[in-house]
Amino acid sequence: MHEDSVITYRQNPRTAGRVVDGLAFVVTPDDNKLHTLNGTGALIWQLAENGCTLDEIVSAITSRYSVEPERARQDAETFATDLLRRRILETP
């Protein structure tokens, strides 16, 4: 088990977002910017609604897409870190 897998990612409750046609559109209130997330980003956004770990994100990605678990983990970790930086996601 990776150390990051115990971190729980959640949607920032101050953001507003919708998923349309597989894309997530999220507005961050601090800068009033609209962020468009691709299919994988939308999946992570939806999982984070109820809270999710990196392991859960990786499992969802490998179930939905044809990708190796290690590649999915690297990409998910990079993307989740970016979403944290942009304040779209948060950790408790």
N, C-alpha and C. Protein backbone atom coordinates (compact mmCIF):
# COMPACT_ATOMS: atom_id res chain seq x y z
N MET A 1 0.85 -1.19 0.00
CA MET A 1 0.00 0.00 0.00
C MET A 1 0.89 1.24 0.00
N HIS A 2 0.62 2.15 -0.88
CA HIS A 2 1.35 3.40 -0.96
C HIS A 2 0.89 4.34 0.15
N GLU A 3 1.81 5.17 0.62
CA GLU A 3 1.49 6.14 1.67
C GLU A 3 0.36 7.06 1.24
N ASP A 4 0.36 7.50 -0.03
CA ASP A 4 -0.66 8.43 -0.52
C ASP A 4 -2.05 7.79 -0.60
N SER A 5 -2.10 6.46 -0.59
CA SER A 5 -3.39 5.81 -0.75
C SER A 5 -4.29 6.01 0.46
N VAL A 6 -3.76 6.45 1.59
CA VAL A 6 -4.58 6.68 2.78
C VAL A 6 -5.12 8.11 2.84
N ILE A 7 -4.62 8.98 1.96
CA ILE A 7 -5.14 10.34 1.88
C ILE A 7 -6.52 10.29 1.24
N THR A 8 -7.46 11.01 1.81
CA THR A 8 -8.79 11.07 1.23
C THR A 8 -8.94 12.40 0.49
N TYR A 9 -9.30 12.28 -0.78
CA TYR A 9 -9.54 13.46 -1.61
C TYR A 9 -11.03 13.74 -1.61
N ARG A 10 -11.38 15.00 -1.47
CA ARG A 10 -12.79 15.42 -1.50
C ARG A 10 -12.92 16.64 -2.40
N GLN A 11 -14.12 16.78 -2.97
CA GLN A 11 -14.40 18.00 -3.71
C GLN A 11 -14.35 19.17 -2.73
N ASN A 12 -13.77 20.26 -3.16
CA ASN A 12 -13.79 21.47 -2.35
C ASN A 12 -15.25 21.92 -2.29
N PRO A 13 -15.84 22.01 -1.09
CA PRO A 13 -17.26 22.37 -1.00
C PRO A 13 -17.57 23.78 -1.48
N ARG A 14 -16.54 24.60 -1.66
CA ARG A 14 -16.77 25.97 -2.14
C ARG A 14 -16.82 26.04 -3.66
N THR A 15 -16.52 24.92 -4.33
CA THR A 15 -16.58 24.91 -5.79
C THR A 15 -17.97 24.53 -6.26
N ALA A 16 -18.25 24.87 -7.51
CA ALA A 16 -19.49 24.45 -8.14
C ALA A 16 -19.10 23.69 -9.39
N GLY A 17 -19.74 22.56 -9.64
CA GLY A 17 -19.37 21.77 -10.80
C GLY A 17 -20.49 20.92 -11.33
N ARG A 18 -20.38 20.60 -12.61
CA ARG A 18 -21.32 19.73 -13.29
C ARG A 18 -20.55 18.85 -14.26
N VAL A 19 -21.07 17.65 -14.48
CA VAL A 19 -20.51 16.76 -15.49
C VAL A 19 -21.50 16.73 -16.65
N VAL A 20 -20.99 17.05 -17.84
CA VAL A 20 -21.81 17.08 -19.05
C VAL A 20 -21.05 16.35 -20.15
N ASP A 21 -21.69 15.35 -20.74
CA ASP A 21 -21.08 14.58 -21.83
C ASP A 21 -19.69 14.07 -21.48
N GLY A 22 -19.50 13.61 -20.24
CA GLY A 22 -18.24 13.03 -19.82
C GLY A 22 -17.16 14.02 -19.42
N LEU A 23 -17.45 15.30 -19.50
CA LEU A 23 -16.51 16.33 -19.07
C LEU A 23 -17.04 17.00 -17.82
N ALA A 24 -16.14 17.37 -16.91
CA ALA A 24 -16.55 18.10 -15.72
C ALA A 24 -16.18 19.57 -15.88
N PHE A 25 -17.12 20.42 -15.53
CA PHE A 25 -16.91 21.87 -15.56
C PHE A 25 -17.01 22.35 -14.13
N VAL A 26 -15.91 22.90 -13.61
CA VAL A 26 -15.83 23.28 -12.21
C VAL A 26 -15.41 24.74 -12.10
N VAL A 27 -16.13 25.49 -11.28
CA VAL A 27 -15.79 26.89 -11.02
C VAL A 27 -15.21 27.00 -9.62
N THR A 28 -14.03 27.61 -9.54
CA THR A 28 -13.40 27.84 -8.24
C THR A 28 -13.70 29.27 -7.80
N PRO A 29 -14.23 29.44 -6.59
CA PRO A 29 -14.69 30.74 -6.14
C PRO A 29 -13.57 31.74 -5.82
N ASP A 30 -12.39 31.23 -5.43
CA ASP A 30 -11.31 32.14 -5.06
C ASP A 30 -10.84 33.00 -6.23
N ASP A 31 -10.86 32.41 -7.43
CA ASP A 31 -10.41 33.15 -8.61
C ASP A 31 -11.49 33.25 -9.69
N ASN A 32 -12.66 32.67 -9.42
CA ASN A 32 -13.79 32.72 -10.33
C ASN A 32 -13.45 32.17 -11.73
N LYS A 33 -12.62 31.12 -11.75
CA LYS A 33 -12.21 30.51 -13.01
C LYS A 33 -13.03 29.25 -13.27
N LEU A 34 -13.28 29.01 -14.56
CA LEU A 34 -13.94 27.79 -15.00
C LEU A 34 -12.86 26.81 -15.43
N HIS A 35 -12.85 25.62 -14.85
CA HIS A 35 -11.89 24.58 -15.16
C HIS A 35 -12.64 23.45 -15.86
N THR A 36 -12.14 23.01 -17.00
CA THR A 36 -12.73 21.89 -17.72
C THR A 36 -11.86 20.67 -17.51
N LEU A 37 -12.47 19.59 -17.01
CA LEU A 37 -11.73 18.36 -16.75
C LEU A 37 -12.13 17.31 -17.78
N ASN A 38 -11.16 16.60 -18.33
CA ASN A 38 -11.44 15.56 -19.31
C ASN A 38 -12.13 14.36 -18.65
N GLY A 39 -12.31 13.29 -19.38
CA GLY A 39 -13.02 12.12 -18.87
C GLY A 39 -12.43 11.56 -17.59
N THR A 40 -11.11 11.43 -17.55
CA THR A 40 -10.47 10.92 -16.34
C THR A 40 -10.62 11.91 -15.19
N GLY A 41 -10.45 13.19 -15.49
CA GLY A 41 -10.64 14.21 -14.47
C GLY A 41 -12.06 14.24 -13.93
N ALA A 42 -13.02 14.06 -14.84
CA ALA A 42 -14.43 14.02 -14.42
C ALA A 42 -14.68 12.82 -13.52
N LEU A 43 -14.05 11.69 -13.83
CA LEU A 43 -14.18 10.49 -13.00
C LEU A 43 -13.65 10.77 -11.59
N ILE A 44 -12.47 11.38 -11.52
CA ILE A 44 -11.88 11.71 -10.22
C ILE A 44 -12.77 12.69 -9.46
N TRP A 45 -13.28 13.69 -10.16
CA TRP A 45 -14.18 14.69 -9.56
C TRP A 45 -15.40 14.00 -8.96
N GLN A 46 -15.99 13.07 -9.71
CA GLN A 46 -17.18 12.38 -9.23
C GLN A 46 -16.85 11.49 -8.04
N LEU A 47 -15.74 10.78 -8.09
CA LEU A 47 -15.34 9.93 -6.96
C LEU A 47 -15.12 10.77 -5.70
N ALA A 48 -14.58 11.96 -5.87
CA ALA A 48 -14.25 12.82 -4.73
C ALA A 48 -15.48 13.43 -4.08
N GLU A 49 -16.63 13.28 -4.71
CA GLU A 49 -17.86 13.84 -4.11
C GLU A 49 -18.10 13.24 -2.73
N ASN A 50 -17.87 11.94 -2.59
CA ASN A 50 -18.06 11.27 -1.30
C ASN A 50 -16.74 10.96 -0.62
N GLY A 51 -15.65 11.43 -1.20
CA GLY A 51 -14.33 11.15 -0.66
C GLY A 51 -13.78 9.88 -1.27
N CYS A 52 -12.51 9.90 -1.63
CA CYS A 52 -11.88 8.72 -2.22
C CYS A 52 -10.38 8.76 -1.97
N THR A 53 -9.78 7.59 -1.97
CA THR A 53 -8.33 7.48 -1.81
C THR A 53 -7.70 7.31 -3.19
N LEU A 54 -6.39 7.42 -3.24
CA LEU A 54 -5.68 7.21 -4.49
C LEU A 54 -5.89 5.79 -4.99
N ASP A 55 -5.90 4.81 -4.09
CA ASP A 55 -6.15 3.42 -4.50
C ASP A 55 -7.52 3.28 -5.16
N GLU A 56 -8.53 3.95 -4.63
CA GLU A 56 -9.87 3.89 -5.23
C GLU A 56 -9.89 4.57 -6.61
N ILE A 57 -9.16 5.66 -6.75
CA ILE A 57 -9.07 6.33 -8.04
C ILE A 57 -8.40 5.42 -9.06
N VAL A 58 -7.28 4.81 -8.66
CA VAL A 58 -6.54 3.91 -9.56
C VAL A 58 -7.42 2.73 -9.97
N SER A 59 -8.14 2.16 -9.03
CA SER A 59 -9.03 1.05 -9.33
C SER A 59 -10.11 1.45 -10.34
N ALA A 60 -10.69 2.62 -10.16
CA ALA A 60 -11.72 3.11 -11.07
C ALA A 60 -11.15 3.36 -12.47
N ILE A 61 -9.96 3.93 -12.53
CA ILE A 61 -9.34 4.22 -13.82
C ILE A 61 -9.00 2.93 -14.56
N THR A 62 -8.39 1.96 -13.86
CA THR A 62 -8.01 0.72 -14.53
C THR A 62 -9.23 -0.11 -14.91
N SER A 63 -10.34 0.05 -14.19
CA SER A 63 -11.57 -0.64 -14.56
C SER A 63 -12.21 -0.05 -15.80
N ARG A 64 -12.10 1.26 -15.94
CA ARG A 64 -12.76 1.95 -17.05
C ARG A 64 -11.89 2.04 -18.30
N TYR A 65 -10.59 2.19 -18.11
CA TYR A 65 -9.69 2.39 -19.24
C TYR A 65 -8.67 1.26 -19.32
N SER A 66 -8.12 1.06 -20.47
CA SER A 66 -7.10 0.04 -20.70
C SER A 66 -5.74 0.65 -20.37
N VAL A 67 -5.38 0.62 -19.09
CA VAL A 67 -4.12 1.22 -18.65
C VAL A 67 -3.55 0.37 -17.51
N GLU A 68 -2.23 0.29 -17.46
CA GLU A 68 -1.55 -0.46 -16.41
C GLU A 68 -1.72 0.27 -15.07
N PRO A 69 -1.85 -0.49 -13.97
CA PRO A 69 -2.05 0.13 -12.66
C PRO A 69 -0.97 1.14 -12.26
N GLU A 70 0.31 0.85 -12.54
CA GLU A 70 1.37 1.80 -12.16
C GLU A 70 1.26 3.10 -12.94
N ARG A 71 0.93 3.00 -14.22
CA ARG A 71 0.74 4.21 -15.04
C ARG A 71 -0.47 4.99 -14.53
N ALA A 72 -1.55 4.27 -14.21
CA ALA A 72 -2.75 4.92 -13.69
C ALA A 72 -2.44 5.63 -12.38
N ARG A 73 -1.64 5.00 -11.53
CA ARG A 73 -1.27 5.59 -10.23
C ARG A 73 -0.46 6.87 -10.44
N GLN A 74 0.53 6.82 -11.32
CA GLN A 74 1.36 8.01 -11.57
C GLN A 74 0.51 9.16 -12.10
N ASP A 75 -0.33 8.86 -13.10
CA ASP A 75 -1.15 9.90 -13.70
C ASP A 75 -2.18 10.44 -12.70
N ALA A 76 -2.82 9.55 -11.93
CA ALA A 76 -3.83 9.97 -10.96
C ALA A 76 -3.21 10.83 -9.86
N GLU A 77 -2.03 10.44 -9.42
CA GLU A 77 -1.35 11.20 -8.36
C GLU A 77 -0.98 12.60 -8.86
N THR A 78 -0.46 12.67 -10.08
CA THR A 78 -0.11 13.96 -10.68
C THR A 78 -1.34 14.83 -10.84
N PHE A 79 -2.42 14.24 -11.35
CA PHE A 79 -3.64 15.00 -11.59
C PHE A 79 -4.29 15.45 -10.29
N ALA A 80 -4.35 14.55 -9.29
CA ALA A 80 -4.93 14.91 -7.99
C ALA A 80 -4.14 16.04 -7.34
N THR A 81 -2.82 16.00 -7.46
CA THR A 81 -1.98 17.07 -6.91
C THR A 81 -2.29 18.40 -7.60
N ASP A 82 -2.49 18.35 -8.92
CA ASP A 82 -2.85 19.56 -9.66
C ASP A 82 -4.21 20.09 -9.21
N LEU A 83 -5.17 19.19 -9.02
CA LEU A 83 -6.50 19.62 -8.57
C LEU A 83 -6.46 20.19 -7.15
N LEU A 84 -5.59 19.67 -6.32
CA LEU A 84 -5.40 20.25 -4.98
C LEU A 84 -4.81 21.65 -5.09
N ARG A 85 -3.82 21.80 -5.95
CA ARG A 85 -3.17 23.11 -6.14
C ARG A 85 -4.17 24.15 -6.63
N ARG A 86 -5.07 23.72 -7.52
CA ARG A 86 -6.08 24.65 -8.06
C ARG A 86 -7.28 24.81 -7.13
N ARG A 87 -7.25 24.10 -5.99
CA ARG A 87 -8.32 24.15 -4.98
C ARG A 87 -9.65 23.60 -5.48
N ILE A 88 -9.58 22.66 -6.41
CA ILE A 88 -10.77 21.97 -6.89
C ILE A 88 -11.07 20.80 -5.95
N LEU A 89 -10.00 20.15 -5.49
CA LEU A 89 -10.10 19.10 -4.48
C LEU A 89 -9.43 19.59 -3.20
N GLU A 90 -9.73 18.91 -2.11
CA GLU A 90 -9.06 19.18 -0.85
C GLU A 90 -8.87 17.88 -0.10
N THR A 91 -8.00 17.91 0.89
CA THR A 91 -7.81 16.77 1.76
C THR A 91 -8.10 17.24 3.18
N PRO A 92 -8.69 16.37 3.97
CA PRO A 92 -9.02 16.78 5.34
C PRO A 92 -7.79 17.04 6.19
